[in-house]
Protein backbone atom coordinates (compact mmCIF):
# COMPACT_ATOMS: atom_id res chain seq x y z
CA MET A 1 56.56 13.46 -26.02
CA SER A 2 54.17 12.19 -22.57
CA THR A 3 52.22 9.11 -23.80
CA LYS A 4 50.18 10.01 -20.30
CA ARG A 5 46.54 9.84 -22.05
CA SER A 6 44.00 12.70 -21.48
CA ALA A 7 41.05 12.65 -19.63
CA LYS A 8 38.78 12.59 -22.51
CA ALA A 9 40.38 10.70 -24.65
CA PRO A 10 38.15 7.42 -25.27
CA THR A 11 39.62 4.22 -23.99
CA PRO A 12 38.59 0.30 -25.43
CA VAL A 13 36.16 -0.91 -22.33
CA PRO A 14 37.92 -3.61 -20.89
CA GLU A 15 36.88 -7.15 -22.44
CA THR A 16 35.61 -8.13 -18.80
CA ALA A 17 32.27 -5.84 -20.05
CA GLN A 18 32.70 -6.72 -23.41
CA ALA A 19 32.30 -10.46 -22.65
CA PHE A 20 28.92 -8.82 -19.51
CA GLY A 21 27.72 -7.48 -23.24
CA THR A 22 27.81 -10.63 -25.60
CA ALA A 23 26.80 -13.75 -23.43
CA MET A 24 23.87 -11.29 -21.62
CA GLY A 25 21.59 -12.52 -24.11
CA ASP A 26 22.45 -16.54 -24.10
CA ILE A 27 22.51 -15.66 -19.39
CA TRP A 28 19.25 -14.23 -20.25
CA LYS A 29 17.53 -17.14 -22.46
CA SER A 30 18.84 -20.50 -19.84
CA VAL A 31 17.94 -18.60 -16.76
CA SER A 32 14.68 -17.59 -17.99
CA GLY A 33 13.35 -20.05 -20.75
CA LEU A 34 12.15 -17.18 -22.35
CA SER A 35 13.39 -15.43 -26.41
CA LEU A 36 14.16 -12.16 -27.02
CA PRO A 37 13.49 -10.58 -30.19
CA MET A 38 17.32 -10.86 -31.65
CA GLN A 39 17.29 -7.11 -33.67
CA GLN A 40 16.70 -5.66 -29.69
CA LEU A 41 18.61 -7.28 -28.18
CA ALA A 42 21.45 -6.39 -30.96
CA GLN A 43 20.59 -3.22 -29.71
CA ILE A 44 20.34 -3.61 -26.56
CA GLN A 45 23.97 -5.09 -27.00
CA GLY A 46 25.43 -1.94 -28.98
CA ASP A 47 24.17 0.21 -26.30
CA TYR A 48 25.57 -1.10 -23.15
CA LEU A 49 28.79 -1.70 -24.78
CA LYS A 50 28.89 1.79 -25.59
CA SER A 51 27.34 3.24 -21.86
CA ALA A 52 30.28 0.58 -20.20
CA THR A 53 32.80 2.22 -22.05
CA ASP A 54 31.34 5.36 -21.45
CA VAL A 55 31.86 4.27 -16.98
CA TRP A 56 35.06 3.29 -17.72
CA ASN A 57 36.32 6.75 -19.65
CA LEU A 58 34.45 8.40 -16.40
CA SER A 59 36.07 6.32 -13.74
CA LEU A 60 39.44 6.97 -15.44
CA GLN A 61 38.41 11.18 -15.33
CA ARG A 62 38.15 10.77 -11.57
CA LEU A 63 41.62 8.84 -10.86
CA GLN A 64 43.04 11.73 -12.83
CA SER A 65 40.53 13.98 -11.66
CA GLU A 66 42.96 14.54 -8.18
CA GLY A 67 40.24 15.40 -4.91
CA GLU A 68 38.36 17.76 -7.47
CA LYS A 69 34.87 17.48 -7.44
CA SER A 70 33.11 14.70 -10.41
CA ALA A 71 29.49 14.31 -11.56
CA PRO A 72 26.94 12.44 -8.81
CA ILE A 73 26.19 9.19 -9.34
CA GLY A 74 22.70 8.63 -10.61
CA ASP A 75 21.10 7.57 -7.30
CA ARG A 76 20.36 8.57 -4.09
CA ARG A 77 21.83 5.05 -2.55
CA PHE A 78 25.10 6.75 -4.01
CA ALA A 79 24.75 10.02 -2.52
CA ALA A 80 27.03 10.17 -0.48
CA SER A 81 30.33 10.96 -0.62
CA GLU A 82 32.06 8.30 0.09
CA TRP A 83 31.43 6.69 -2.71
CA LEU A 84 32.74 9.23 -5.34
CA ALA A 85 35.64 9.53 -2.98
CA ASN A 86 36.66 6.30 -4.25
CA PRO A 87 37.07 5.78 -8.06
CA ALA A 88 36.19 1.64 -7.46
CA SER A 89 34.05 2.18 -5.38
CA ALA A 90 31.92 5.32 -7.66
CA MET A 91 33.16 2.49 -10.78
CA THR A 92 30.34 -0.07 -8.84
CA ALA A 93 27.94 1.77 -8.24
CA GLU A 94 28.21 2.78 -11.81
CA LEU A 95 28.45 -0.42 -13.84
CA TYR A 96 25.78 -1.55 -11.51
CA LEU A 97 23.38 1.43 -12.73
CA LEU A 98 24.18 0.04 -16.13
CA ASN A 99 23.60 -3.78 -15.40
CA ALA A 100 20.32 -2.77 -13.74
CA ARG A 101 18.95 -0.37 -17.00
CA THR A 102 20.33 -3.07 -19.38
CA LEU A 103 18.34 -6.09 -17.30
CA MET A 104 15.35 -4.69 -17.39
CA GLN A 105 15.72 -3.81 -21.21
CA MET A 106 16.24 -6.95 -21.79
CA ALA A 107 13.13 -7.43 -19.54
CA GLU A 108 11.11 -5.72 -21.51
CA SER A 109 12.02 -6.97 -24.81
CA VAL A 110 11.13 -10.18 -23.42
CA GLU A 111 8.01 -11.73 -26.23
CA GLY A 112 5.62 -13.40 -24.28
CA ASP A 113 2.02 -12.16 -22.21
CA ALA A 114 1.21 -9.34 -21.01
CA LYS A 115 1.06 -11.00 -17.80
CA THR A 116 4.02 -13.02 -18.37
CA LYS A 117 6.51 -9.69 -18.72
CA ALA A 118 4.86 -8.21 -15.91
CA ARG A 119 6.46 -11.01 -13.69
CA ILE A 120 9.37 -10.75 -16.16
CA ARG A 121 9.57 -7.73 -15.11
CA PHE A 122 9.15 -7.33 -11.22
CA ALA A 123 11.28 -10.63 -10.39
CA VAL A 124 14.16 -8.92 -12.49
CA GLN A 125 13.46 -5.50 -10.33
CA GLN A 126 13.40 -7.87 -7.19
CA TRP A 127 17.23 -8.75 -8.70
CA ILE A 128 18.59 -5.89 -9.48
CA ASP A 129 17.91 -4.04 -6.06
CA ALA A 130 19.02 -6.67 -3.71
CA SER A 131 22.16 -6.79 -5.90
CA SER A 132 23.20 -3.43 -5.14
CA PRO A 133 26.32 -3.10 -4.09
CA SER A 134 25.09 -0.04 -0.74
CA ASN A 135 23.36 -3.35 0.33
CA PHE A 136 26.53 -5.36 1.07
CA LEU A 137 29.79 -4.09 3.26
CA ALA A 138 32.26 -5.03 1.57
CA LEU A 139 31.36 -2.90 -1.08
CA ASN A 140 29.73 -0.03 0.08
CA PRO A 141 32.05 2.63 2.01
CA GLU A 142 30.18 4.88 3.27
CA ALA A 143 29.19 1.94 5.96
CA LEU A 144 32.87 0.67 5.31
CA LYS A 145 33.70 4.64 6.51
CA LYS A 146 31.66 4.92 10.00
CA ALA A 147 33.13 0.53 10.81
CA LEU A 148 36.36 2.50 11.03
CA ASP A 149 34.85 6.11 12.50
CA THR A 150 32.75 4.19 15.58
CA LYS A 151 35.51 1.31 15.79
CA GLY A 152 33.62 -1.16 15.25
CA LYS A 153 31.08 0.01 17.05
CA SER A 154 28.52 0.40 13.94
CA ILE A 155 28.57 -2.78 12.67
CA ALA A 156 28.16 -4.47 16.09
CA THR A 157 25.23 -2.66 17.00
CA GLY A 158 23.73 -3.94 13.50
CA MET A 159 24.58 -6.88 14.34
CA GLN A 160 22.53 -6.38 18.21
CA HIS A 161 19.59 -4.35 15.57
CA LEU A 162 19.69 -7.64 13.15
CA LEU A 163 19.49 -10.13 16.28
CA ALA A 164 16.65 -8.44 17.45
CA ASP A 165 14.73 -8.66 13.85
CA LEU A 166 15.66 -11.77 13.31
CA LYS A 167 13.87 -12.32 17.07
CA LYS A 168 10.96 -10.79 16.14
CA GLY A 169 10.28 -11.87 12.32
CA SER A 170 10.64 -8.54 10.62
CA VAL A 171 12.72 -5.43 9.52
CA SER A 172 11.67 -2.57 11.79
CA GLN A 173 11.62 -0.15 9.93
CA THR A 174 10.88 3.07 12.29
CA ASP A 175 12.29 2.84 16.30
CA GLU A 176 8.95 0.98 17.65
CA SER A 177 9.73 2.05 21.54
CA LEU A 178 8.56 5.40 20.97
CA PHE A 179 4.78 4.52 19.54
CA GLU A 180 2.01 2.83 21.11
CA VAL A 181 -1.84 2.57 20.58
CA GLY A 182 -3.96 4.70 21.81
CA ARG A 183 -0.95 7.44 23.21
CA ASN A 184 0.82 8.52 21.08
CA VAL A 185 -1.67 6.56 17.76
CA ALA A 186 -5.14 6.04 17.41
CA SER A 187 -6.17 8.42 20.12
CA THR A 188 -8.49 10.45 19.13
CA ALA A 189 -10.84 10.74 22.45
CA GLY A 190 -14.19 7.90 22.02
CA ASP A 191 -15.61 4.58 23.18
CA VAL A 192 -16.16 0.45 22.80
CA VAL A 193 -20.28 1.09 22.13
CA PHE A 194 -20.66 -2.73 20.80
CA GLU A 195 -18.62 -5.37 19.91
CA ASN A 196 -19.00 -9.02 18.85
CA GLU A 197 -16.23 -12.18 17.87
CA LEU A 198 -15.23 -10.15 14.76
CA PHE A 199 -14.68 -6.24 16.13
CA GLN A 200 -15.31 -3.29 18.52
CA LEU A 201 -17.37 -0.87 16.91
CA ILE A 202 -15.59 2.84 18.32
CA GLU A 203 -17.81 6.08 18.89
CA TYR A 204 -16.13 9.25 19.25
CA LYS A 205 -16.46 11.85 21.84
CA PRO A 206 -18.47 14.83 19.70
CA LEU A 207 -15.38 18.33 19.45
CA THR A 208 -18.49 20.04 18.06
CA ALA A 209 -21.79 21.68 20.47
CA LYS A 210 -23.63 20.28 17.65
CA VAL A 211 -23.58 17.39 15.12
CA HIS A 212 -24.84 16.33 12.53
CA GLU A 213 -27.71 14.17 12.69
CA ARG A 214 -27.17 11.19 10.44
CA PRO A 215 -24.35 9.14 12.09
CA PHE A 216 -21.23 8.23 10.11
CA LEU A 217 -19.27 4.62 10.06
CA PHE A 218 -16.68 4.07 8.79
CA VAL A 219 -15.72 0.50 7.32
CA PRO A 220 -11.73 0.07 7.79
CA PRO A 221 -10.00 -2.43 5.49
CA CYS A 222 -9.61 -5.42 7.43
CA ILE A 223 -6.20 -6.77 6.36
CA ASN A 224 -4.13 -3.76 8.45
CA LYS A 225 -5.00 -1.62 11.76
CA PHE A 226 -7.60 1.02 11.61
CA TYR A 227 -5.61 3.46 12.96
CA ILE A 228 -4.04 4.19 9.16
CA LEU A 229 -7.36 6.94 10.41
CA ASP A 230 -6.20 7.66 13.39
CA LEU A 231 -2.47 8.04 13.16
CA GLN A 232 -1.99 11.68 14.73
CA PRO A 233 -4.06 14.51 15.47
CA GLU A 234 -2.65 16.29 12.47
CA ASN A 235 -3.25 13.81 9.99
CA SER A 236 -6.37 11.62 11.52
CA VAL A 237 -8.51 11.37 9.02
CA ILE A 238 -11.35 10.20 11.84
CA ARG A 239 -10.73 13.71 14.02
CA TYR A 240 -11.11 15.36 10.70
CA THR A 241 -14.66 13.60 9.92
CA VAL A 242 -15.30 14.66 13.66
CA GLU A 243 -14.93 18.04 14.18
CA GLN A 244 -16.60 18.81 11.26
CA GLY A 245 -19.51 17.98 13.08
CA HIS A 246 -20.56 14.46 12.74
CA ARG A 247 -20.62 11.79 14.77
CA THR A 248 -18.18 9.11 13.82
CA PHE A 249 -18.53 5.17 14.02
CA VAL A 250 -15.07 3.22 13.72
CA ILE A 251 -15.65 -0.92 13.46
CA SER A 252 -11.34 -1.62 14.85
CA TRP A 253 -11.25 -5.56 13.75
CA ARG A 254 -10.27 -8.24 15.86
CA ASN A 255 -7.20 -9.59 14.88
CA PRO A 256 -8.15 -13.35 14.10
CA ASP A 257 -6.29 -16.12 15.89
CA GLN A 258 -6.56 -20.13 15.36
CA SER A 259 -10.37 -20.05 17.19
CA MET A 260 -11.39 -17.57 14.15
CA VAL A 261 -9.44 -20.01 11.15
CA ASN A 262 -13.98 -20.90 10.04
CA LEU A 263 -14.59 -17.77 9.80
CA THR A 264 -15.41 -17.01 6.08
CA TRP A 265 -16.08 -13.90 3.29
CA ASP A 266 -20.25 -14.18 4.32
CA ASP A 267 -18.95 -14.13 8.41
CA TYR A 268 -17.73 -10.51 7.30
CA ILE A 269 -20.51 -9.35 5.28
CA GLU A 270 -23.00 -10.47 7.92
CA GLN A 271 -20.71 -10.24 11.64
CA GLY A 272 -19.22 -6.89 10.09
CA PRO A 273 -20.72 -4.02 8.20
CA ILE A 274 -24.50 -5.59 8.48
CA ALA A 275 -23.89 -6.03 12.58
CA ALA A 276 -22.20 -2.51 12.89
CA LEU A 277 -25.17 -0.60 10.92
CA LYS A 278 -27.33 -2.50 13.00
CA ALA A 279 -25.90 -0.84 15.89
CA VAL A 280 -25.56 2.72 14.83
CA GLN A 281 -29.24 2.76 13.97
CA GLN A 282 -30.19 1.94 17.20
CA ILE A 283 -27.37 3.78 19.07
CA SER A 284 -28.56 6.71 16.94
CA GLY A 285 -31.95 6.04 16.88
CA GLN A 286 -31.46 7.62 12.84
CA ASP A 287 -33.31 4.90 10.17
CA THR A 288 -30.31 5.36 7.74
CA VAL A 289 -26.58 6.79 7.97
CA ASN A 290 -23.60 7.86 6.26
CA THR A 291 -20.93 5.03 5.26
CA LEU A 292 -16.85 5.21 4.30
CA GLY A 293 -15.01 2.26 3.66
CA PHE A 294 -10.97 2.41 2.60
CA CYS A 295 -9.58 -0.32 0.81
CA VAL A 296 -10.47 -4.11 1.00
CA GLY A 297 -12.51 -2.37 3.88
CA GLY A 298 -14.99 -0.74 0.49
CA THR A 299 -15.43 -3.63 -1.17
CA ILE A 300 -16.77 -5.29 1.77
CA LEU A 301 -18.98 -2.42 2.71
CA ALA A 302 -20.54 -2.50 -1.16
CA THR A 303 -20.46 -6.69 -0.53
CA ALA A 304 -22.53 -5.74 2.65
CA LEU A 305 -24.48 -2.86 1.32
CA ALA A 306 -25.99 -4.77 -1.61
CA VAL A 307 -27.56 -7.68 0.39
CA LEU A 308 -29.02 -5.81 2.74
CA ALA A 309 -30.36 -4.01 -0.91
CA ALA A 310 -31.67 -7.47 -1.40
CA ARG A 311 -33.28 -8.58 1.51
CA GLY A 312 -35.20 -4.67 1.00
CA GLU A 313 -33.56 -2.84 3.36
CA LYS A 314 -31.46 0.49 2.47
CA PRO A 315 -29.84 1.99 5.54
CA ALA A 316 -26.68 3.48 3.84
CA HIS A 317 -27.34 7.22 3.37
CA SER A 318 -24.37 7.56 1.72
CA LEU A 319 -21.19 5.60 0.46
CA THR A 320 -17.68 6.82 0.19
CA LEU A 321 -14.76 4.19 -1.21
CA LEU A 322 -11.60 5.30 -0.80
CA THR A 323 -9.40 3.24 -2.89
CA THR A 324 -11.11 0.34 -3.59
CA LEU A 325 -12.15 -2.08 -5.71
CA LEU A 326 -14.58 -3.15 -6.14
CA ASP A 327 -13.57 -4.10 -10.58
CA PHE A 328 -11.14 -6.23 -10.63
CA ARG A 329 -10.73 -5.86 -14.29
CA GLU A 330 -7.13 -4.29 -13.65
CA THR A 331 -5.65 -4.42 -9.68
CA GLY A 332 -2.20 -3.30 -10.66
CA ILE A 333 1.51 -4.54 -9.16
CA LEU A 334 -1.15 -7.32 -7.23
CA ASP A 335 -2.38 -9.17 -9.70
CA ILE A 336 1.32 -11.10 -11.10
CA PHE A 337 0.64 -12.94 -7.60
CA ILE A 338 -2.44 -14.25 -8.94
CA ASP A 339 -3.26 -17.36 -11.73
CA GLU A 340 -5.42 -20.09 -11.08
CA SER A 341 -2.72 -22.12 -9.81
CA VAL A 342 -1.84 -20.01 -6.59
CA VAL A 343 -5.11 -19.21 -5.88
CA LYS A 344 -5.95 -23.46 -5.63
CA MET A 345 -2.04 -23.01 -3.39
CA ARG A 346 -4.21 -20.87 -1.42
CA GLU A 347 -6.90 -23.60 -1.97
CA VAL A 348 -5.35 -26.31 -0.56
CA THR A 349 -3.42 -25.48 2.19
CA ILE A 350 -5.19 -22.75 4.25
CA GLY A 351 -8.92 -22.63 2.83
CA PRO A 352 -12.31 -24.39 3.93
CA ASP A 353 -11.18 -27.49 2.08
CA ALA A 354 -7.25 -28.04 2.58
CA PRO A 355 -6.64 -31.58 3.90
CA THR A 356 -4.79 -30.37 7.37
CA GLY A 357 -8.58 -28.49 7.90
CA PRO A 358 -9.01 -24.23 7.10
CA GLY A 359 -5.96 -21.74 8.73
CA LEU A 360 -4.57 -17.92 8.61
CA LEU A 361 -2.75 -16.35 6.26
CA LYS A 362 -0.14 -14.72 8.16
CA GLY A 363 -0.25 -10.95 8.46
CA LYS A 364 3.28 -11.20 8.46
CA GLU A 365 3.58 -12.89 5.02
CA LEU A 366 0.67 -10.02 4.45
CA ALA A 367 3.10 -7.36 5.74
CA SER A 368 5.85 -8.34 3.78
CA THR A 369 3.89 -9.07 0.90
CA PHE A 370 3.64 -5.43 0.27
CA SER A 371 6.80 -4.23 1.12
CA PHE A 372 8.40 -5.73 -1.44
CA LEU A 373 5.75 -4.12 -3.60
CA ARG A 374 8.72 -1.28 -2.91
CA PRO A 375 11.61 -3.15 -2.00
CA ASN A 376 14.53 -0.07 -1.80
CA ASP A 377 12.47 2.59 -0.29
CA LEU A 378 10.78 -0.43 2.82
CA VAL A 379 13.23 -2.91 2.92
CA TRP A 380 17.05 -2.80 2.02
CA ASN A 381 17.09 1.02 2.90
CA TYR A 382 16.12 -1.19 6.12
CA VAL A 383 19.04 -2.98 6.49
CA VAL A 384 21.73 -0.88 5.42
CA GLY A 385 20.91 1.45 8.18
CA ASN A 386 20.41 -0.38 10.28
CA TYR A 387 22.48 -3.79 10.22
CA LEU A 388 25.47 -2.34 7.72
CA LYS A 389 25.04 1.40 9.27
CA GLY A 390 23.72 0.34 13.06
CA GLU A 391 21.48 2.87 13.01
CA THR A 392 18.28 3.47 14.46
CA PRO A 393 15.48 4.47 12.28
CA PRO A 394 14.09 7.63 12.80
CA PRO A 395 10.25 7.13 14.03
CA PHE A 396 7.44 7.80 11.99
CA ASP A 397 3.68 7.24 12.34
CA LEU A 398 2.70 5.38 9.23
CA LEU A 399 5.69 2.78 9.31
CA TYR A 400 4.70 2.23 13.43
CA TRP A 401 1.13 1.77 11.80
CA ASN A 402 2.61 -0.22 8.40
CA GLY A 403 4.99 -2.63 10.64
CA ASP A 404 1.26 -3.73 13.09
CA SER A 405 0.30 -6.14 11.17
CA THR A 406 -2.88 -8.57 11.32
CA ASN A 407 -3.91 -12.47 10.05
CA LEU A 408 -6.71 -12.90 8.34
CA PRO A 409 -8.90 -16.31 8.02
CA GLY A 410 -8.15 -18.74 5.13
CA PRO A 411 -11.76 -19.32 4.14
CA MET A 412 -12.46 -15.98 4.28
CA TYR A 413 -8.84 -14.69 2.44
CA THR A 414 -9.28 -17.88 -0.16
CA TRP A 415 -13.17 -16.61 -0.86
CA TYR A 416 -11.51 -12.92 -1.84
CA LEU A 417 -8.76 -14.04 -4.34
CA ARG A 418 -10.82 -16.45 -6.28
CA HIS A 419 -14.10 -14.52 -6.92
CA MET A 420 -13.06 -10.74 -5.89
CA TYR A 421 -9.09 -10.97 -7.93
CA LEU A 422 -9.38 -14.08 -10.30
CA GLN A 423 -12.98 -13.90 -11.54
CA ASN A 424 -14.03 -10.71 -11.07
CA GLU A 425 -17.62 -11.55 -9.80
CA LEU A 426 -18.45 -8.46 -7.53
CA LYS A 427 -19.29 -6.04 -10.93
CA ASP A 428 -21.45 -8.37 -12.43
CA PRO A 429 -25.13 -8.26 -11.59
CA GLY A 430 -26.15 -11.55 -9.84
CA ALA A 431 -22.97 -13.37 -10.18
CA LEU A 432 -21.84 -13.69 -6.88
CA THR A 433 -24.47 -15.05 -3.31
CA VAL A 434 -22.96 -13.22 -0.67
CA CYS A 435 -25.57 -13.93 2.32
CA GLY A 436 -27.75 -16.31 0.65
CA GLN A 437 -28.67 -13.49 -1.26
CA LYS A 438 -27.35 -12.85 -5.40
CA VAL A 439 -25.06 -9.35 -4.85
CA ASP A 440 -26.32 -6.18 -7.01
CA LEU A 441 -23.97 -3.19 -6.37
CA GLY A 442 -26.22 -1.00 -8.69
CA SER A 443 -29.78 -1.77 -6.06
CA ILE A 444 -27.78 0.15 -3.74
CA ASP A 445 -29.65 3.59 -4.07
CA ALA A 446 -27.67 6.29 -2.67
CA PRO A 447 -24.91 8.93 -3.85
CA VAL A 448 -21.25 7.53 -4.22
CA PHE A 449 -18.11 9.73 -3.64
CA VAL A 450 -15.66 7.90 -5.07
CA TYR A 451 -11.59 8.79 -4.33
CA GLY A 452 -8.76 6.86 -6.38
CA SER A 453 -5.02 8.01 -5.26
CA ARG A 454 -3.00 9.03 -9.24
CA GLU A 455 0.28 7.35 -8.40
CA ASP A 456 -1.21 4.17 -6.28
CA HIS A 457 0.31 1.03 -6.77
CA ILE A 458 -2.51 -1.16 -5.32
CA VAL A 459 -5.33 0.18 -6.32
CA PRO A 460 -5.02 2.23 -9.82
CA TRP A 461 -6.33 5.26 -9.95
CA ASP A 462 -8.59 4.36 -13.14
CA ALA A 463 -9.41 0.64 -12.18
CA ALA A 464 -10.86 2.68 -9.46
CA TYR A 465 -12.54 4.64 -10.88
CA ARG A 466 -14.33 1.62 -12.71
CA SER A 467 -16.42 1.38 -9.33
CA VAL A 468 -18.23 4.74 -11.04
CA PRO A 469 -20.47 2.76 -13.67
CA LEU A 470 -21.11 0.77 -10.85
CA PHE A 471 -23.84 2.84 -9.47
CA LYS A 472 -26.74 4.06 -10.23
CA GLY A 473 -27.53 6.94 -8.70
CA LYS A 474 -25.77 10.45 -7.88
CA ARG A 475 -21.79 10.33 -8.41
CA LYS A 476 -18.84 11.83 -7.79
CA PHE A 477 -15.61 10.59 -8.07
CA VAL A 478 -12.07 12.49 -7.47
CA LEU A 479 -8.30 11.99 -7.46
CA GLY A 480 -5.66 12.45 -5.45
CA ALA A 481 -2.33 12.80 -6.30
CA SER A 482 0.43 9.96 -4.38
CA GLY A 483 -0.10 6.78 -3.74
CA HIS A 484 -2.55 4.56 -2.14
CA ILE A 485 -2.22 6.00 2.09
CA ALA A 486 -0.16 9.45 1.91
CA GLY A 487 -2.79 10.57 -0.89
CA VAL A 488 -5.79 9.04 0.74
CA ILE A 489 -3.82 11.29 4.44
CA ASN A 490 -3.85 14.42 3.00
CA PRO A 491 -5.10 16.50 5.66
CA PRO A 492 -5.78 20.68 4.08
CA ALA A 493 -3.67 21.81 7.14
CA LYS A 494 -0.38 20.86 5.78
CA GLY A 495 -1.04 22.63 1.94
CA LYS A 496 0.33 19.19 0.26
CA ARG A 497 -0.07 17.89 -3.19
CA SER A 498 -3.16 18.99 -5.05
CA HIS A 499 -6.48 17.03 -6.91
CA TRP A 500 -8.25 17.07 -9.96
CA VAL A 501 -11.95 17.68 -10.11
CA ASN A 502 -14.33 17.61 -12.32
CA ASP A 503 -18.16 16.99 -12.08
CA LYS A 504 -18.94 14.94 -15.57
CA THR A 505 -19.23 11.05 -14.36
CA PRO A 506 -18.50 9.14 -17.98
CA ASP A 507 -17.87 5.99 -18.04
CA ASP A 508 -14.26 5.72 -19.46
CA ALA A 509 -11.72 6.94 -16.53
CA GLN A 510 -9.25 8.55 -19.43
CA ALA A 511 -12.44 10.83 -20.58
CA TRP A 512 -13.11 12.02 -16.59
CA PHE A 513 -9.59 13.33 -16.65
CA ASP A 514 -9.51 15.20 -19.80
CA GLY A 515 -12.00 16.82 -18.72
CA ALA A 516 -10.49 17.39 -15.44
CA THR A 517 -9.47 20.50 -13.42
CA GLU A 518 -6.08 19.99 -11.25
CA GLN A 519 -6.46 22.37 -7.85
CA PRO A 520 -3.91 22.69 -5.08
CA GLY A 521 -3.97 21.73 -1.62
CA SER A 522 -5.84 18.13 0.05
CA TRP A 523 -8.78 16.66 -1.66
CA TRP A 524 -10.52 16.19 2.22
CA PRO A 525 -12.62 20.19 1.34
CA VAL A 526 -13.91 18.65 -1.12
CA TRP A 527 -15.00 15.38 0.17
CA THR A 528 -17.10 17.19 2.92
CA ASP A 529 -18.63 19.75 1.04
CA TRP A 530 -20.06 17.03 -1.00
CA LEU A 531 -21.04 15.48 3.01
CA LYS A 532 -22.60 18.17 4.37
CA PRO A 533 -25.88 18.09 3.08
CA LEU A 534 -25.89 14.54 3.58
CA GLY A 535 -25.65 14.91 7.18
CA GLY A 536 -28.82 16.31 8.26
CA LYS A 537 -30.06 18.78 10.71
CA LEU A 538 -27.59 20.16 13.46
CA VAL A 539 -28.84 18.51 16.50
CA ALA A 540 -27.08 18.78 20.42
CA ALA A 541 -24.08 16.97 20.73
CA PRO A 542 -25.04 13.80 22.63
CA LYS A 543 -23.67 13.57 26.45
CA THR A 544 -22.49 10.05 27.07
CA PRO A 545 -21.85 7.00 24.51
CA GLY A 546 -23.93 4.59 23.53
CA GLY A 547 -27.73 4.78 23.57
CA GLY A 548 -30.66 2.30 22.23
CA GLY A 549 -29.78 -0.30 25.17
CA HIS A 550 -26.22 -0.26 23.97
CA LYS A 551 -23.57 1.47 26.64
CA ALA A 552 -19.44 1.74 27.09
CA ILE A 553 -17.46 -1.03 27.41
CA GLU A 554 -14.26 0.33 27.81
CA PRO A 555 -12.23 4.13 26.24
CA ALA A 556 -10.95 3.58 22.27
CA PRO A 557 -9.01 2.42 20.67
CA GLY A 558 -10.02 -0.58 22.87
CA ARG A 559 -8.79 -4.15 23.33
CA TYR A 560 -9.03 -5.07 19.00
CA VAL A 561 -6.67 -3.27 17.95
CA LYS A 562 -3.38 -3.80 20.44
CA VAL A 563 -4.03 -7.61 19.65
CA LYS A 564 0.16 -8.43 18.09
CA VAL A 565 -0.06 -11.25 15.68
């Protein structure tokens, strides 16, 4: 009788896997100092042993299949044929995925408050992603095969990429040599018509014979460059707005250096949107302006309009907020980084009262933080491609922008952290004093359009919706598919994704969603239809930029946006 084991017969899991499952609870407790409910731990251990047996048997089947096609490994990091061609590599990948699932189950089962559990989940996920066998040359059969096929050239090229990135201080996510600000990104034609210490104001060249008489001011986020709104002509929010006949102005924030370390939140409000609004009024001759704020730019813009309202000024004819937080009760994954000790640490290192004086929050630190919110997509993917395989990342305008980071003045940043993220005071009328005025968002007398992205991990869509009840005038909310950036940058011509609409605006986000209707394609036409009657009558487009004592200083996109950290 043959002694050969059937491929389908169950095989006892190796003792090493049994030991791993049995010891897992003790290891977790010793590392984290937290406890797991014994019943859940026993269930996790039992599931682990069963799954480890399945992995072992699957590995035996692959050994005995003699080149027959095997079931794929359920993770794109291990999708290359080299992983399945080598049974040892396939088993390594399968065991890694099993261990990753088990550790996340344990993280979910930790006893503790919600914030502690979120921090545990985040830390465990970071460790899991970093420890993937695909990230190590000796364990990555695809990278090893390429090294053999190229006679070591891929490794040599990878080392050159690594040394270049070490010198640069960040992992390259795209071939930056193929992009140039003003040439093939931020290329919409216009002129800088005003500037101060903090920003340049760009007026874009009309693309229609007639324009709406009421101008439009964009306030982008100051934590990165404005041209996220003007990447390529086919996906530029700015160009699209100009094409709709709006006389469009955009703030281009300066990239702060050591000369700006003393700037405060008040400075960003007074010298930012307030100064820009006055310049746009003077240039256009109009008393009111349509306004838009994106991300933290929306927070800054709304604060500025509330300050002006307290002064008896109401320059905004409408307000559009894209993926903006005004109520910071729930701030998504960023909440795990914010508590009293973290904010205090920032205050004593770069804040206005730091013992060594105020400093800068470095742009590369911000960029790294945001990249590690999605480490497999924005970090390890490029570690493997750039260094292990010696590949040059493909050109991608969005990732070029993502790597073009900006600094922030410490006093401004620490005030924002404490009063917005930690103490959540902006939503409460009179709780904050900015530029000498009590801030009340309800005093902003203008119709408001609020946009949120359904899969946004930086500004969760329901947190974006919480802006709606803070205003007392006409309000409209639209929900788009995808995330913080891709949801916003969704031109109609692409015919991608979908959006949800509901003319009613109840106080509760879920109630709004329950009554909403999903529609295919971009949300941009919904916004432009809402905005069109607010632009005023059509008049002949201006033939020259500027006006009201303001002349063209230099062509768009200006010199401020070209300053690197």
